[in-house]
Amino acid sequence: MKIKTTVYYDYDATSHKIYEEELLGRPLSKEEYDNISLWELQTAIGHSAAGLSLFDTDNDSRFTPEFWELSLDELKQTLKEQKAIILHNPEPEFRNEFPEITLGPRKGQSNFKKEPVEYEDRMYHVQYEDEIMGVEREIELHEDETFEILEKTVVE
């Protein structure tokens, strides 16, 4: 299905240009925003540099227990207050799943010292609004949730 929407790019303020290879994603439709699961949003936040700076982490970049206790609505509200948006990736991105620590005070938390299992199924990430540039484009939405831009140009 073809639609016209805003797509977001990483913006280089020095050169005042954006390039197609810097495509970050598109905003969620109202339906996608309303239906994103708590796990999907937690994963998007946890795998985004912006997400890691929005919430308290310990010395190993693990979210504090308070993060995991936040509801979906509380996470969405925090993103809104901090001027961060959820973007839909053009293609699935990787997420790492680390084994859990089984003993001691960190029992149940991710063990970053072990090798993670990688999955290529993450469709969302978080960006600060003031670090990206939106451009109106026609895109093709695919059944597998990916999308492609139909008109490719350099924007200055």
N, C-alpha and C. Protein backbone atom coordinates (compact mmCIF):
# COMPACT_ATOMS: atom_id res chain seq x y z
N MET A 1 0.84 -1.16 0.00
CA MET A 1 0.00 0.00 0.00
C MET A 1 0.89 1.24 0.00
N LYS A 2 0.57 2.19 -0.85
CA LYS A 2 1.32 3.44 -0.93
C LYS A 2 0.65 4.50 -0.07
N ILE A 3 1.48 5.21 0.71
CA ILE A 3 0.96 6.32 1.50
C ILE A 3 1.97 7.48 1.46
N LYS A 4 1.49 8.66 1.76
CA LYS A 4 2.36 9.83 1.89
C LYS A 4 2.48 10.10 3.38
N THR A 5 3.71 10.19 3.89
CA THR A 5 3.93 10.40 5.31
C THR A 5 5.26 11.10 5.52
N THR A 6 5.49 11.52 6.73
CA THR A 6 6.79 12.07 7.11
C THR A 6 7.72 10.92 7.44
N VAL A 7 8.92 10.97 6.93
CA VAL A 7 9.95 10.02 7.33
C VAL A 7 11.08 10.83 7.95
N TYR A 8 11.78 10.21 8.88
CA TYR A 8 12.80 10.94 9.63
C TYR A 8 14.19 10.45 9.31
N TYR A 9 15.11 11.42 9.25
CA TYR A 9 16.51 11.17 8.94
C TYR A 9 17.38 11.72 10.05
N ASP A 10 18.54 11.10 10.22
CA ASP A 10 19.57 11.67 11.07
C ASP A 10 20.05 12.93 10.35
N TYR A 11 20.11 14.03 11.05
CA TYR A 11 20.40 15.31 10.41
C TYR A 11 21.79 15.80 10.79
N ASP A 12 22.57 16.16 9.78
CA ASP A 12 23.90 16.72 10.01
C ASP A 12 23.80 18.24 9.95
N ALA A 13 23.82 18.88 11.11
CA ALA A 13 23.66 20.33 11.16
C ALA A 13 24.84 21.06 10.53
N THR A 14 26.00 20.41 10.43
CA THR A 14 27.18 21.05 9.84
C THR A 14 27.03 21.21 8.33
N SER A 15 26.64 20.13 7.65
CA SER A 15 26.53 20.20 6.18
C SER A 15 25.13 20.60 5.74
N HIS A 16 24.16 20.59 6.65
CA HIS A 16 22.76 20.92 6.34
C HIS A 16 22.18 20.01 5.26
N LYS A 17 22.61 18.74 5.27
CA LYS A 17 22.11 17.78 4.30
C LYS A 17 21.65 16.52 5.01
N ILE A 18 20.73 15.84 4.38
CA ILE A 18 20.37 14.49 4.81
C ILE A 18 20.48 13.59 3.59
N TYR A 19 20.79 12.34 3.82
CA TYR A 19 20.95 11.37 2.74
C TYR A 19 20.09 10.15 3.03
N GLU A 20 19.68 9.47 1.96
CA GLU A 20 18.80 8.31 2.09
C GLU A 20 19.36 7.25 3.02
N GLU A 21 20.69 7.07 3.05
CA GLU A 21 21.26 6.04 3.92
C GLU A 21 21.16 6.41 5.40
N GLU A 22 20.77 7.64 5.68
CA GLU A 22 20.59 8.09 7.07
C GLU A 22 19.14 7.99 7.53
N LEU A 23 18.32 7.25 6.77
CA LEU A 23 16.91 7.08 7.12
C LEU A 23 16.78 6.38 8.47
N LEU A 24 16.02 6.98 9.38
CA LEU A 24 15.80 6.40 10.70
C LEU A 24 14.47 5.67 10.79
N GLY A 25 13.45 6.19 10.13
CA GLY A 25 12.15 5.53 10.19
C GLY A 25 11.01 6.51 9.97
N ARG A 26 9.82 6.03 10.23
CA ARG A 26 8.62 6.83 10.09
C ARG A 26 7.87 6.84 11.41
N PRO A 27 7.05 7.87 11.64
CA PRO A 27 6.27 7.87 12.88
C PRO A 27 5.23 6.75 12.85
N LEU A 28 4.82 6.33 14.01
CA LEU A 28 3.79 5.30 14.08
C LEU A 28 2.44 5.88 13.69
N SER A 29 1.63 5.07 13.03
CA SER A 29 0.25 5.47 12.77
C SER A 29 -0.47 5.46 14.12
N LYS A 30 -1.63 6.08 14.18
CA LYS A 30 -2.40 6.10 15.43
C LYS A 30 -2.68 4.66 15.89
N GLU A 31 -3.04 3.80 14.94
CA GLU A 31 -3.33 2.40 15.27
C GLU A 31 -2.09 1.70 15.83
N GLU A 32 -0.92 1.92 15.21
CA GLU A 32 0.32 1.30 15.70
C GLU A 32 0.66 1.83 17.10
N TYR A 33 0.51 3.15 17.28
CA TYR A 33 0.81 3.76 18.58
C TYR A 33 -0.10 3.20 19.67
N ASP A 34 -1.39 3.08 19.34
CA ASP A 34 -2.35 2.56 20.32
C ASP A 34 -2.12 1.09 20.63
N ASN A 35 -1.56 0.34 19.68
CA ASN A 35 -1.42 -1.11 19.83
C ASN A 35 -0.01 -1.59 20.16
N ILE A 36 0.95 -0.66 20.29
CA ILE A 36 2.31 -1.10 20.64
C ILE A 36 2.25 -1.75 22.03
N SER A 37 2.94 -2.85 22.19
CA SER A 37 2.90 -3.56 23.48
C SER A 37 3.94 -2.98 24.43
N LEU A 38 3.76 -3.25 25.69
CA LEU A 38 4.72 -2.80 26.70
C LEU A 38 6.09 -3.36 26.39
N TRP A 39 6.17 -4.65 26.04
CA TRP A 39 7.46 -5.27 25.72
C TRP A 39 8.11 -4.61 24.50
N GLU A 40 7.33 -4.32 23.45
CA GLU A 40 7.89 -3.68 22.25
C GLU A 40 8.45 -2.30 22.59
N LEU A 41 7.73 -1.54 23.42
CA LEU A 41 8.20 -0.21 23.78
C LEU A 41 9.43 -0.29 24.68
N GLN A 42 9.44 -1.21 25.64
CA GLN A 42 10.62 -1.39 26.48
C GLN A 42 11.83 -1.77 25.63
N THR A 43 11.63 -2.64 24.66
CA THR A 43 12.72 -3.06 23.78
C THR A 43 13.21 -1.90 22.91
N ALA A 44 12.28 -1.11 22.38
CA ALA A 44 12.66 0.06 21.58
C ALA A 44 13.48 1.04 22.41
N ILE A 45 13.05 1.28 23.62
CA ILE A 45 13.78 2.20 24.50
C ILE A 45 15.14 1.63 24.86
N GLY A 46 15.19 0.37 25.20
CA GLY A 46 16.43 -0.27 25.62
C GLY A 46 17.48 -0.39 24.54
N HIS A 47 17.08 -0.36 23.28
CA HIS A 47 18.02 -0.49 22.17
C HIS A 47 18.25 0.84 21.45
N SER A 48 17.89 1.95 22.09
CA SER A 48 18.06 3.27 21.49
C SER A 48 18.91 4.14 22.41
N ALA A 49 19.87 4.86 21.83
CA ALA A 49 20.69 5.76 22.64
C ALA A 49 19.82 6.78 23.35
N ALA A 50 18.82 7.31 22.66
CA ALA A 50 17.91 8.28 23.29
C ALA A 50 17.17 7.61 24.44
N GLY A 51 16.74 6.39 24.25
CA GLY A 51 16.01 5.68 25.30
C GLY A 51 16.85 5.47 26.54
N LEU A 52 18.12 5.13 26.34
CA LEU A 52 19.00 4.91 27.48
C LEU A 52 19.26 6.19 28.26
N SER A 53 19.19 7.34 27.60
CA SER A 53 19.42 8.60 28.32
C SER A 53 18.16 9.13 28.99
N LEU A 54 17.01 8.56 28.68
CA LEU A 54 15.74 9.04 29.25
C LEU A 54 15.44 8.47 30.62
N PHE A 55 15.97 7.30 30.91
CA PHE A 55 15.61 6.58 32.13
C PHE A 55 16.86 6.24 32.92
N ASP A 56 16.70 6.11 34.22
CA ASP A 56 17.83 5.79 35.10
C ASP A 56 18.37 4.40 34.80
N THR A 57 19.70 4.31 34.77
CA THR A 57 20.37 3.02 34.59
C THR A 57 21.42 2.89 35.68
N ASP A 58 21.86 1.67 35.91
CA ASP A 58 22.95 1.47 36.85
C ASP A 58 24.28 1.62 36.11
N ASN A 59 25.37 1.29 36.74
CA ASN A 59 26.69 1.48 36.14
C ASN A 59 26.93 0.61 34.91
N ASP A 60 26.15 -0.42 34.71
CA ASP A 60 26.31 -1.32 33.57
C ASP A 60 25.29 -1.05 32.48
N SER A 61 24.67 0.11 32.49
CA SER A 61 23.63 0.48 31.52
C SER A 61 22.42 -0.43 31.58
N ARG A 62 22.16 -0.98 32.74
CA ARG A 62 20.93 -1.75 32.95
C ARG A 62 19.90 -0.79 33.50
N PHE A 63 18.68 -0.89 33.06
CA PHE A 63 17.63 -0.07 33.63
C PHE A 63 17.40 -0.46 35.08
N THR A 64 17.06 0.53 35.87
CA THR A 64 16.75 0.25 37.27
C THR A 64 15.43 -0.49 37.36
N PRO A 65 15.16 -1.16 38.47
CA PRO A 65 13.89 -1.88 38.62
C PRO A 65 12.66 -0.97 38.42
N GLU A 66 12.80 0.30 38.74
CA GLU A 66 11.68 1.24 38.57
C GLU A 66 11.24 1.34 37.11
N PHE A 67 12.21 1.25 36.19
CA PHE A 67 11.86 1.30 34.76
C PHE A 67 10.93 0.15 34.40
N TRP A 68 11.26 -1.05 34.85
CA TRP A 68 10.49 -2.24 34.50
C TRP A 68 9.10 -2.24 35.14
N GLU A 69 8.92 -1.41 36.16
CA GLU A 69 7.62 -1.31 36.82
C GLU A 69 6.70 -0.29 36.17
N LEU A 70 7.23 0.55 35.26
CA LEU A 70 6.41 1.56 34.59
C LEU A 70 5.42 0.90 33.64
N SER A 71 4.23 1.46 33.57
CA SER A 71 3.20 0.95 32.67
C SER A 71 3.46 1.49 31.26
N LEU A 72 2.75 0.95 30.32
CA LEU A 72 2.84 1.42 28.94
C LEU A 72 2.49 2.90 28.85
N ASP A 73 1.42 3.31 29.50
CA ASP A 73 1.03 4.72 29.47
C ASP A 73 2.07 5.63 30.12
N GLU A 74 2.69 5.16 31.20
CA GLU A 74 3.73 5.96 31.85
C GLU A 74 4.95 6.12 30.95
N LEU A 75 5.32 5.06 30.25
CA LEU A 75 6.45 5.15 29.30
C LEU A 75 6.13 6.13 28.18
N LYS A 76 4.94 6.02 27.60
CA LYS A 76 4.53 6.93 26.52
C LYS A 76 4.53 8.38 27.01
N GLN A 77 4.03 8.61 28.23
CA GLN A 77 3.98 9.96 28.78
C GLN A 77 5.38 10.53 28.99
N THR A 78 6.30 9.71 29.48
CA THR A 78 7.68 10.15 29.67
C THR A 78 8.32 10.53 28.34
N LEU A 79 8.09 9.72 27.31
CA LEU A 79 8.64 10.03 25.99
C LEU A 79 8.09 11.36 25.50
N LYS A 80 6.81 11.57 25.66
CA LYS A 80 6.16 12.81 25.22
C LYS A 80 6.75 14.01 25.97
N GLU A 81 6.89 13.90 27.29
CA GLU A 81 7.43 14.99 28.10
C GLU A 81 8.87 15.32 27.73
N GLN A 82 9.64 14.31 27.34
CA GLN A 82 11.04 14.51 27.01
C GLN A 82 11.26 14.81 25.52
N LYS A 83 10.18 14.99 24.79
CA LYS A 83 10.23 15.29 23.35
C LYS A 83 10.99 14.21 22.58
N ALA A 84 10.64 12.97 22.88
CA ALA A 84 11.19 11.83 22.16
C ALA A 84 10.04 11.12 21.46
N ILE A 85 10.31 10.59 20.28
CA ILE A 85 9.25 9.91 19.53
C ILE A 85 9.65 8.48 19.22
N ILE A 86 8.64 7.67 19.04
CA ILE A 86 8.83 6.27 18.66
C ILE A 86 8.80 6.22 17.14
N LEU A 87 9.82 5.65 16.54
CA LEU A 87 9.87 5.51 15.09
C LEU A 87 9.76 4.05 14.70
N HIS A 88 9.10 3.82 13.57
CA HIS A 88 8.99 2.49 12.98
C HIS A 88 10.16 2.33 12.03
N ASN A 89 10.98 1.33 12.25
CA ASN A 89 12.16 1.09 11.41
C ASN A 89 11.74 0.68 10.00
N PRO A 90 12.53 1.06 8.99
CA PRO A 90 12.23 0.62 7.62
C PRO A 90 12.37 -0.89 7.46
N GLU A 91 13.30 -1.49 8.21
CA GLU A 91 13.54 -2.93 8.18
C GLU A 91 13.76 -3.39 9.62
N PRO A 92 13.56 -4.67 9.90
CA PRO A 92 13.81 -5.15 11.27
C PRO A 92 15.26 -4.91 11.68
N GLU A 93 15.44 -4.51 12.92
CA GLU A 93 16.78 -4.30 13.46
C GLU A 93 17.05 -5.35 14.52
N PHE A 94 18.32 -5.47 14.88
CA PHE A 94 18.73 -6.48 15.86
C PHE A 94 18.36 -6.05 17.27
N ARG A 95 18.09 -7.03 18.07
CA ARG A 95 18.01 -6.85 19.52
C ARG A 95 18.78 -7.99 20.15
N ASN A 96 19.40 -7.70 21.26
CA ASN A 96 20.17 -8.70 21.99
C ASN A 96 19.39 -9.16 23.21
N GLU A 97 19.42 -10.44 23.44
CA GLU A 97 18.81 -10.99 24.64
C GLU A 97 19.89 -11.75 25.40
N PHE A 98 20.25 -11.20 26.54
CA PHE A 98 21.30 -11.80 27.35
C PHE A 98 20.71 -12.79 28.34
N PRO A 99 21.48 -13.84 28.69
CA PRO A 99 20.99 -14.76 29.71
C PRO A 99 20.87 -14.03 31.05
N GLU A 100 20.01 -14.55 31.91
CA GLU A 100 19.82 -13.92 33.21
C GLU A 100 20.87 -14.38 34.21
N ILE A 101 21.18 -13.49 35.16
CA ILE A 101 22.03 -13.84 36.30
C ILE A 101 21.18 -14.72 37.21
N THR A 102 21.76 -15.81 37.68
CA THR A 102 20.97 -16.78 38.45
C THR A 102 21.23 -16.74 39.95
N LEU A 103 22.30 -16.06 40.40
CA LEU A 103 22.61 -16.00 41.83
C LEU A 103 22.96 -14.57 42.23
N GLY A 104 22.84 -14.29 43.51
CA GLY A 104 23.30 -13.02 44.06
C GLY A 104 22.28 -11.91 43.98
N PRO A 105 22.73 -10.69 44.32
CA PRO A 105 21.80 -9.56 44.39
C PRO A 105 21.24 -9.13 43.03
N ARG A 106 21.88 -9.51 41.95
CA ARG A 106 21.38 -9.16 40.60
C ARG A 106 20.61 -10.30 39.96
N LYS A 107 20.21 -11.25 40.73
CA LYS A 107 19.47 -12.40 40.21
C LYS A 107 18.28 -11.92 39.38
N GLY A 108 18.15 -12.47 38.17
CA GLY A 108 17.06 -12.11 37.27
C GLY A 108 17.40 -11.01 36.29
N GLN A 109 18.49 -10.28 36.52
CA GLN A 109 18.89 -9.23 35.59
C GLN A 109 19.74 -9.82 34.46
N SER A 110 19.90 -9.03 33.39
CA SER A 110 20.69 -9.48 32.25
C SER A 110 22.16 -9.60 32.61
N ASN A 111 22.78 -10.68 32.15
CA ASN A 111 24.20 -10.90 32.38
C ASN A 111 24.96 -10.47 31.13
N PHE A 112 25.46 -9.23 31.14
CA PHE A 112 26.15 -8.69 29.97
C PHE A 112 27.51 -9.33 29.73
N LYS A 113 27.99 -10.16 30.65
CA LYS A 113 29.28 -10.83 30.48
C LYS A 113 29.16 -12.09 29.64
N LYS A 114 27.95 -12.55 29.42
CA LYS A 114 27.70 -13.73 28.60
C LYS A 114 27.35 -13.30 27.18
N GLU A 115 27.49 -14.22 26.25
CA GLU A 115 27.13 -13.94 24.86
C GLU A 115 25.60 -13.84 24.72
N PRO A 116 25.12 -12.80 24.04
CA PRO A 116 23.67 -12.68 23.85
C PRO A 116 23.18 -13.53 22.68
N VAL A 117 21.91 -13.78 22.68
CA VAL A 117 21.25 -14.34 21.51
C VAL A 117 20.74 -13.15 20.73
N GLU A 118 21.02 -13.10 19.42
CA GLU A 118 20.57 -11.98 18.60
C GLU A 118 19.33 -12.36 17.82
N TYR A 119 18.38 -11.44 17.83
CA TYR A 119 17.16 -11.60 17.04
C TYR A 119 17.05 -10.39 16.12
N GLU A 120 16.62 -10.62 14.91
CA GLU A 120 16.44 -9.51 13.96
C GLU A 120 14.93 -9.29 13.79
N ASP A 121 14.32 -8.75 14.84
CA ASP A 121 12.87 -8.60 14.80
C ASP A 121 12.37 -7.31 15.45
N ARG A 122 13.28 -6.40 15.77
CA ARG A 122 12.88 -5.16 16.44
C ARG A 122 12.44 -4.13 15.40
N MET A 123 11.19 -3.71 15.48
CA MET A 123 10.64 -2.79 14.48
C MET A 123 10.54 -1.34 14.95
N TYR A 124 10.91 -1.05 16.20
CA TYR A 124 10.76 0.31 16.72
C TYR A 124 12.02 0.76 17.43
N HIS A 125 12.23 2.08 17.44
CA HIS A 125 13.27 2.67 18.27
C HIS A 125 12.83 4.09 18.64
N VAL A 126 13.60 4.72 19.50
CA VAL A 126 13.23 6.02 20.05
C VAL A 126 14.30 7.05 19.66
N GLN A 127 13.86 8.24 19.28
CA GLN A 127 14.77 9.34 18.93
C GLN A 127 14.25 10.63 19.56
N TYR A 128 15.17 11.53 19.91
CA TYR A 128 14.76 12.87 20.33
C TYR A 128 14.32 13.66 19.10
N GLU A 129 13.23 14.40 19.22
CA GLU A 129 12.68 15.15 18.09
C GLU A 129 13.66 16.18 17.54
N ASP A 130 14.46 16.80 18.41
CA ASP A 130 15.35 17.88 17.94
C ASP A 130 16.64 17.37 17.31
N GLU A 131 16.84 16.06 17.24
CA GLU A 131 18.05 15.50 16.63
C GLU A 131 17.79 14.87 15.27
N ILE A 132 16.57 15.00 14.77
CA ILE A 132 16.22 14.38 13.51
C ILE A 132 15.47 15.37 12.63
N MET A 133 15.39 15.07 11.34
CA MET A 133 14.67 15.94 10.41
C MET A 133 13.61 15.13 9.67
N GLY A 134 12.42 15.68 9.66
CA GLY A 134 11.32 15.02 8.96
C GLY A 134 11.14 15.57 7.56
N VAL A 135 10.88 14.67 6.62
CA VAL A 135 10.65 15.03 5.22
C VAL A 135 9.42 14.26 4.74
N GLU A 136 8.53 14.95 4.05
CA GLU A 136 7.33 14.30 3.50
C GLU A 136 7.74 13.46 2.30
N ARG A 137 7.37 12.18 2.32
CA ARG A 137 7.72 11.27 1.23
C ARG A 137 6.59 10.29 0.96
N GLU A 138 6.58 9.77 -0.26
CA GLU A 138 5.66 8.68 -0.57
C GLU A 138 6.41 7.38 -0.28
N ILE A 139 5.76 6.49 0.47
CA ILE A 139 6.39 5.22 0.82
C ILE A 139 5.46 4.07 0.46
N GLU A 140 6.07 2.91 0.32
CA GLU A 140 5.33 1.67 0.08
C GLU A 140 5.40 0.85 1.36
N LEU A 141 4.23 0.57 1.95
CA LEU A 141 4.15 -0.28 3.13
C LEU A 141 4.02 -1.73 2.68
N HIS A 142 4.83 -2.60 3.24
CA HIS A 142 4.79 -4.02 2.88
C HIS A 142 4.07 -4.82 3.97
N GLU A 143 3.57 -5.98 3.61
CA GLU A 143 2.83 -6.83 4.54
C GLU A 143 3.68 -7.28 5.73
N ASP A 144 5.01 -7.36 5.56
CA ASP A 144 5.88 -7.80 6.64
C ASP A 144 6.28 -6.66 7.59
N GLU A 145 5.59 -5.52 7.50
CA GLU A 145 5.78 -4.33 8.33
C GLU A 145 6.97 -3.49 7.91
N THR A 146 7.72 -3.87 6.89
CA THR A 146 8.80 -3.03 6.40
C THR A 146 8.21 -1.98 5.47
N PHE A 147 9.04 -1.02 5.09
CA PHE A 147 8.60 -0.04 4.10
C PHE A 147 9.79 0.44 3.29
N GLU A 148 9.49 1.00 2.14
CA GLU A 148 10.55 1.59 1.33
C GLU A 148 10.07 2.93 0.79
N ILE A 149 11.03 3.80 0.56
CA ILE A 149 10.72 5.13 0.03
C ILE A 149 10.69 5.03 -1.48
N LEU A 150 9.66 5.62 -2.06
CA LEU A 150 9.50 5.53 -3.51
C LEU A 150 10.21 6.64 -4.25
N GLU A 151 10.39 7.80 -3.61
CA GLU A 151 11.08 8.91 -4.26
C GLU A 151 12.33 9.22 -3.48
N LYS A 152 13.50 8.94 -4.03
CA LYS A 152 14.74 9.10 -3.31
C LYS A 152 15.50 10.31 -3.84
N THR A 153 15.84 11.20 -2.94
CA THR A 153 16.61 12.38 -3.29
C THR A 153 17.42 12.83 -2.09
N VAL A 154 18.43 13.65 -2.37
CA VAL A 154 19.19 14.30 -1.30
C VAL A 154 18.42 15.57 -0.96
N VAL A 155 18.27 15.85 0.30
CA VAL A 155 17.56 17.05 0.73
C VAL A 155 18.57 18.00 1.36
N GLU A 156 18.51 19.26 0.96
CA GLU A 156 19.41 20.27 1.55
C GLU A 156 18.60 21.34 2.22
